[in-house]
Each structure stands twice: as C-alpha cells, then as structure tokens.
Amino acid sequence: MSILQIRDLELRLSGKPILDGLTMDFMENKVHAVVGPNGAGKSTLAQTIMGLSGYREISGDILFQGESIRELEPDERARKGITLAWQEPARFEGLRIRDFIGASLRGKEKAGDLVFDALKKVGMEPSIYLDRAVDRTLSGGERKKIELASILAMKPKVAILDEPDSGIDIDSLEHIFEAVKLLRKGGTTVLLITHSMAVLEQAEHAFLLCCGKVQDEGPTKKIGDYFGKKCVPCSHKNLPEANGDER
C-alpha cells in the first residue's frame, strides 16, 4: 500500500521545470531511495514534499495516506507525520540537545528516557551530549546524528533523509545505517535522497532521477547497477540561470 504518492508533479523555478511530470509511489514501511547525479532534482523533490517556502507553486498533486497535502503548510504536514532531515542540519545557539530532541516528545511518558535511548542508538554518549548546545561547537556529523536521533524519538510515518552520509565519517555512517533499519522496524517509511552507492544499498526500492524526471524505478540492485556503471555526472539543463546549486 502506498503511503505517499506523487502525481504528475511539476515545479518551475525561473520559468524552468525543475521537477518535470513526476509520478512516484512510496510503499508503506519500506526504505526507498531517490538517486541521481547532482542537479537531478532530488533535494528539490524533498523540499516540495515538505511544502517549504519557494517550493509550493506546483502543478500535479502530492497525496499522503490517500489525501492531498499540496495546500498544507509545512507544520501541518509535519503534524500528519512527515519529517525531513536536512543535508546541512541547522544550529540552534543556546538550545540544549536534550531539549532539541525532546521538543517532539512533550506530554509523552518517560520522554527523558526516549531522548537518552535515541542518542545511544546513533552512537552518541548521552552523558557527554545531553547538556551541550546545538551550536557551532558541534561538527556537521554530530549535528546530523542529533537530528536523526530526534527523528528516531518522534517516530514519524515518513522520514525523508537528504544526503544522510554528508559530512559523516565511516564509523558514524554505520550508526546512520543502523538508525535507518530501526526506523523501518518501528513502522516508518524512509526516503533516502542520495547520489551515494553505499546509501542506495540500504534501500529496498529505488527511483533514478535525472533532469527532474524519473528515468527508471525498481529493485535497488537493478537501479544501482545502472547508476553505478552507466550514469555520469551531468548538469541539469533546466536549472535556473541565477541559481546553479544542487537541486
């Protein structure tokens, strides 16, 4: 059963189609990958699903559990159970890690234990990190693991992880992969946005995206074989001229 459906989705920026007629089905309680070269439209898709500012003027539709969410604000989508882990996690000067992770657990019994357990699951010693601030004293990899710990604690219905290996060392990457397995085991549908073969291999099903279009989909091995051997880096021909960054 599909928990998230993309139907004829188009997003134009600077008059150019960055997402170009996408139709995709993400099956419930599976780990999916959206893979493709830089500029393929992967991160744009993630931000469009969340309804972030600048990514809302779409045609087509986005369905969550059979209902359209295209008119909903990001916080409304989050309350329905969709969350996004950023490629570059935010900093929050003065906010303690225990409070950052616990923000989504207000009113839950034993919230402190859930925060403690989530940190352990991503390989971070709670006694060292609980009272540290989510600020510039943390490395990008530490912030990424803290963000993932918050997702483990909140147990969303759909978790979109944008380039989860970005800024992560090899040892930490194993904790990230273990967290993906724990999310799935807990009933979360996971979308991995990536151009990494190592991350792609964590998925059960994959979409190959290029120039804002789905070029193929299927079992991870099938898509991985093509992406790893035949797909080459390319520039998205439809990137807005004023903004050539990764979309």
Protein backbone atom coordinates (compact mmCIF):
# COMPACT_ATOMS: atom_id res chain seq x y z
CA MET A 1 0.00 0.00 0.00
CA SER A 2 1.31 3.46 -0.92
CA ILE A 3 1.64 5.90 1.96
CA LEU A 4 2.96 8.74 -0.22
CA GLN A 5 2.04 9.33 -3.86
CA ILE A 6 3.41 11.88 -6.30
CA ARG A 7 1.14 12.54 -9.26
CA ASP A 8 2.26 14.46 -12.39
CA LEU A 9 4.27 16.80 -10.16
CA GLU A 10 5.84 19.82 -11.82
CA LEU A 11 7.73 22.66 -10.19
CA ARG A 12 9.07 25.55 -12.21
CA LEU A 13 11.77 27.92 -10.95
CA SER A 14 12.81 30.92 -13.03
CA GLY A 15 10.41 29.61 -15.66
CA LYS A 16 12.17 26.24 -16.00
CA PRO A 17 10.75 22.82 -14.99
CA ILE A 18 12.99 21.58 -12.16
CA LEU A 19 10.56 18.76 -11.43
CA ASP A 20 9.04 17.64 -14.69
CA GLY A 21 5.92 15.49 -14.50
CA LEU A 22 6.99 13.17 -11.67
CA THR A 23 4.77 10.24 -10.75
CA MET A 24 6.02 8.08 -7.88
CA ASP A 25 4.59 5.69 -5.30
CA PHE A 26 6.32 5.15 -1.95
CA MET A 27 5.13 1.97 -0.29
CA GLU A 28 4.35 1.95 3.41
CA ASN A 29 7.03 0.70 5.82
CA LYS A 30 9.71 0.36 3.14
CA VAL A 31 13.08 2.03 2.65
CA HIS A 32 13.11 3.84 -0.70
CA ALA A 33 15.98 5.67 -2.38
CA VAL A 34 15.78 8.58 -4.80
CA VAL A 35 19.11 8.51 -6.56
CA GLY A 36 20.67 10.55 -9.34
CA PRO A 37 23.57 12.86 -10.20
CA ASN A 38 23.96 16.35 -8.76
CA GLY A 39 21.31 18.63 -10.22
CA ALA A 40 18.82 15.83 -10.90
CA GLY A 41 16.10 17.39 -8.75
CA LYS A 42 16.44 15.13 -5.68
CA SER A 43 16.66 17.76 -2.94
CA THR A 44 14.01 19.85 -4.69
CA LEU A 45 11.66 16.86 -4.51
CA ALA A 46 12.28 16.52 -0.75
CA GLN A 47 11.59 20.20 -0.12
CA THR A 48 8.49 20.13 -2.33
CA ILE A 49 7.06 17.15 -0.43
CA MET A 50 7.52 19.16 2.79
CA GLY A 51 5.92 22.25 1.21
CA LEU A 52 8.77 24.59 2.07
CA SER A 53 8.78 28.24 1.02
CA GLY A 54 9.74 28.61 -2.64
CA TYR A 55 8.64 25.04 -3.43
CA ARG A 56 4.86 25.35 -3.19
CA GLU A 57 3.83 26.66 -6.62
CA ILE A 58 3.33 23.25 -8.15
CA SER A 59 1.07 21.54 -10.61
CA GLY A 60 0.03 17.95 -10.10
CA ASP A 61 -0.53 16.61 -6.61
CA ILE A 62 1.06 15.07 -3.52
CA LEU A 63 -1.07 12.52 -1.67
CA PHE A 64 -0.38 11.32 1.87
CA GLN A 65 -2.42 8.33 3.03
CA GLY A 66 -4.76 8.97 0.11
CA GLU A 67 -5.39 12.67 0.81
CA SER A 68 -3.94 15.68 -1.00
CA ILE A 69 -1.48 17.73 1.06
CA ARG A 70 -0.49 20.24 -1.62
CA GLU A 71 -2.31 23.08 0.13
CA LEU A 72 -0.99 22.28 3.62
CA GLU A 73 1.72 24.31 5.36
CA PRO A 74 4.97 22.54 6.36
CA ASP A 75 3.95 22.37 10.04
CA GLU A 76 0.63 20.79 9.08
CA ARG A 77 2.45 18.17 7.03
CA ALA A 78 4.77 17.55 9.98
CA ARG A 79 1.80 17.03 12.30
CA LYS A 80 0.46 14.42 9.89
CA GLY A 81 3.72 12.52 10.32
CA ILE A 82 6.13 13.67 7.58
CA THR A 83 9.58 14.92 8.54
CA LEU A 84 12.73 15.98 6.69
CA ALA A 85 16.32 15.63 7.88
CA TRP A 86 18.35 18.33 6.13
CA GLN A 87 21.54 17.73 4.19
CA GLU A 88 23.03 20.53 6.32
CA PRO A 89 21.40 20.41 9.78
CA ALA A 90 20.55 23.71 11.47
CA ARG A 91 22.30 25.17 14.51
CA PHE A 92 20.35 26.49 17.50
CA GLU A 93 22.51 28.65 19.72
CA GLY A 94 21.67 28.12 23.40
CA LEU A 95 19.29 25.18 22.85
CA ARG A 96 20.40 22.06 24.65
CA ILE A 97 20.46 18.74 22.80
CA ARG A 98 18.07 17.19 25.36
CA ASP A 99 15.56 19.96 24.63
CA PHE A 100 16.01 19.77 20.85
CA ILE A 101 15.30 16.04 20.76
CA GLY A 102 12.61 16.31 23.44
CA ALA A 103 10.67 19.05 21.64
CA SER A 104 8.56 16.49 19.76
CA LEU A 105 8.00 14.38 22.88
CA ARG A 106 6.14 16.85 25.08
CA GLY A 107 3.42 15.12 27.03
CA LYS A 108 4.80 11.63 26.41
CA GLU A 109 5.60 9.39 29.34
CA LYS A 110 9.29 8.84 30.05
CA ALA A 111 10.30 11.43 27.45
CA GLY A 112 13.71 11.73 29.08
CA ASP A 113 14.32 8.02 28.65
CA LEU A 114 13.33 8.27 24.97
CA VAL A 115 15.84 11.08 24.41
CA PHE A 116 18.57 9.09 26.18
CA ASP A 117 17.79 5.98 24.14
CA ALA A 118 17.71 7.87 20.82
CA LEU A 119 21.18 9.30 21.40
CA LYS A 120 22.54 5.85 22.22
CA LYS A 121 21.06 4.46 19.01
CA VAL A 122 23.03 6.92 16.87
CA GLY A 123 26.26 6.26 18.75
CA MET A 124 26.33 9.38 20.95
CA GLU A 125 27.03 9.03 24.68
CA PRO A 126 24.16 10.82 26.48
CA SER A 127 26.29 11.85 29.46
CA ILE A 128 28.54 13.79 27.08
CA TYR A 129 25.91 15.30 24.78
CA LEU A 130 22.61 15.83 26.62
CA ASP A 131 23.50 19.26 28.01
CA ARG A 132 25.57 20.51 25.09
CA ALA A 133 24.08 23.16 22.84
CA VAL A 134 23.11 22.51 19.22
CA ASP A 135 25.56 25.14 18.04
CA ARG A 136 28.83 25.72 16.19
CA THR A 137 30.82 23.70 18.74
CA LEU A 138 29.34 20.55 17.19
CA SER A 139 30.66 19.14 13.95
CA GLY A 140 28.38 18.72 10.97
CA GLY A 141 28.43 14.96 11.54
CA GLU A 142 27.43 15.35 15.19
CA ARG A 143 24.55 17.66 14.26
CA LYS A 144 23.39 15.18 11.63
CA LYS A 145 23.32 12.34 14.15
CA ILE A 146 21.46 14.52 16.66
CA GLU A 147 18.85 15.37 14.03
CA LEU A 148 18.47 11.68 13.24
CA ALA A 149 18.15 10.91 16.97
CA SER A 150 15.25 13.39 17.13
CA ILE A 151 13.55 11.56 14.24
CA LEU A 152 14.03 8.20 15.96
CA ALA A 153 12.45 9.62 19.10
CA MET A 154 9.41 11.14 17.33
CA LYS A 155 8.73 8.01 15.20
CA PRO A 156 7.21 9.75 12.13
CA LYS A 157 5.18 7.95 9.49
CA VAL A 158 7.51 9.17 6.72
CA ALA A 159 11.13 10.27 7.21
CA ILE A 160 12.95 11.95 4.31
CA LEU A 161 16.72 11.86 4.80
CA ASP A 162 18.54 14.24 2.43
CA GLU A 163 22.10 13.02 1.77
CA PRO A 164 22.37 11.25 5.16
CA ASP A 165 26.06 10.45 4.60
CA SER A 166 27.09 14.09 4.00
CA GLY A 167 29.80 15.13 6.47
CA ILE A 168 29.78 11.72 8.17
CA ASP A 169 32.85 9.57 8.86
CA ILE A 170 32.86 5.80 8.22
CA ASP A 171 32.16 4.82 11.84
CA SER A 172 29.30 7.29 12.14
CA LEU A 173 27.87 6.11 8.83
CA GLU A 174 27.28 2.66 10.31
CA HIS A 175 25.22 4.28 13.09
CA ILE A 176 23.21 6.16 10.44
CA PHE A 177 22.52 2.94 8.57
CA GLU A 178 21.50 1.19 11.78
CA ALA A 179 19.12 4.07 12.55
CA VAL A 180 17.51 3.64 9.10
CA LYS A 181 16.87 -0.01 9.94
CA LEU A 182 15.40 0.95 13.31
CA LEU A 183 13.08 3.49 11.68
CA ARG A 184 11.78 0.86 9.29
CA LYS A 185 11.43 -1.68 12.09
CA GLY A 186 9.37 0.87 14.01
CA GLY A 187 6.96 1.33 11.10
CA THR A 188 8.42 4.44 9.44
CA THR A 189 8.63 4.72 5.67
CA VAL A 190 12.09 6.07 4.80
CA LEU A 191 13.07 8.09 1.71
CA LEU A 192 16.83 8.31 1.18
CA ILE A 193 17.84 11.21 -1.08
CA THR A 194 21.31 10.34 -2.31
CA HIS A 195 23.95 10.00 -5.00
CA SER A 196 25.93 7.53 -2.88
CA MET A 197 26.03 3.83 -3.75
CA ALA A 198 26.58 2.97 -0.07
CA VAL A 199 23.39 4.79 0.93
CA LEU A 200 21.46 3.42 -2.06
CA GLU A 201 22.25 -0.12 -0.94
CA GLN A 202 20.31 0.46 2.32
CA ALA A 203 17.07 0.75 0.34
CA GLU A 204 14.68 -1.93 -0.87
CA HIS A 205 13.36 0.04 -3.84
CA ALA A 206 14.79 2.96 -5.78
CA PHE A 207 13.92 5.68 -8.27
CA LEU A 208 16.52 7.00 -10.70
CA LEU A 209 16.02 10.74 -11.20
CA CYS A 210 17.65 12.79 -13.92
CA CYS A 211 16.81 16.26 -15.21
CA GLY A 212 13.75 16.35 -12.99
CA LYS A 213 12.25 13.17 -14.48
CA VAL A 214 12.00 9.58 -13.27
CA GLN A 215 14.18 7.64 -15.70
CA ASP A 216 13.60 4.25 -14.07
CA GLU A 217 12.47 2.57 -10.86
CA GLY A 218 12.69 -0.88 -9.38
CA PRO A 219 14.68 -3.08 -7.01
CA THR A 220 17.77 -1.42 -5.56
CA LYS A 221 20.20 -3.76 -7.34
CA LYS A 222 18.71 -3.01 -10.74
CA ILE A 223 18.84 0.76 -10.24
CA GLY A 224 22.24 0.57 -8.52
CA ASP A 225 23.81 -1.37 -11.37
CA TYR A 226 22.74 1.27 -13.86
CA PHE A 227 23.55 4.25 -11.66
CA GLY A 228 26.95 2.91 -10.66
CA LYS A 229 28.10 1.87 -14.13
CA LYS A 230 26.28 3.99 -16.70
CA CYS A 231 25.04 7.17 -15.04
CA VAL A 232 27.55 10.00 -15.29
CA PRO A 233 27.60 13.44 -13.60
CA CYS A 234 25.73 15.99 -15.63
CA SER A 235 24.32 19.48 -15.28
CA HIS A 236 20.54 19.79 -15.04
CA LYS A 237 19.67 21.58 -18.26
CA ASN A 238 16.70 23.24 -16.58
CA LEU A 239 18.48 24.73 -13.55
CA PRO A 240 17.57 28.40 -13.13
CA GLU A 241 20.36 30.53 -14.59
CA ALA A 242 20.71 32.56 -11.41
CA ASN A 243 21.00 29.50 -9.18
CA GLY A 244 23.21 26.66 -10.27
CA ASP A 245 23.31 24.88 -6.91
CA GLU A 246 22.25 21.31 -6.25
CA ARG A 247 18.55 20.84 -6.74
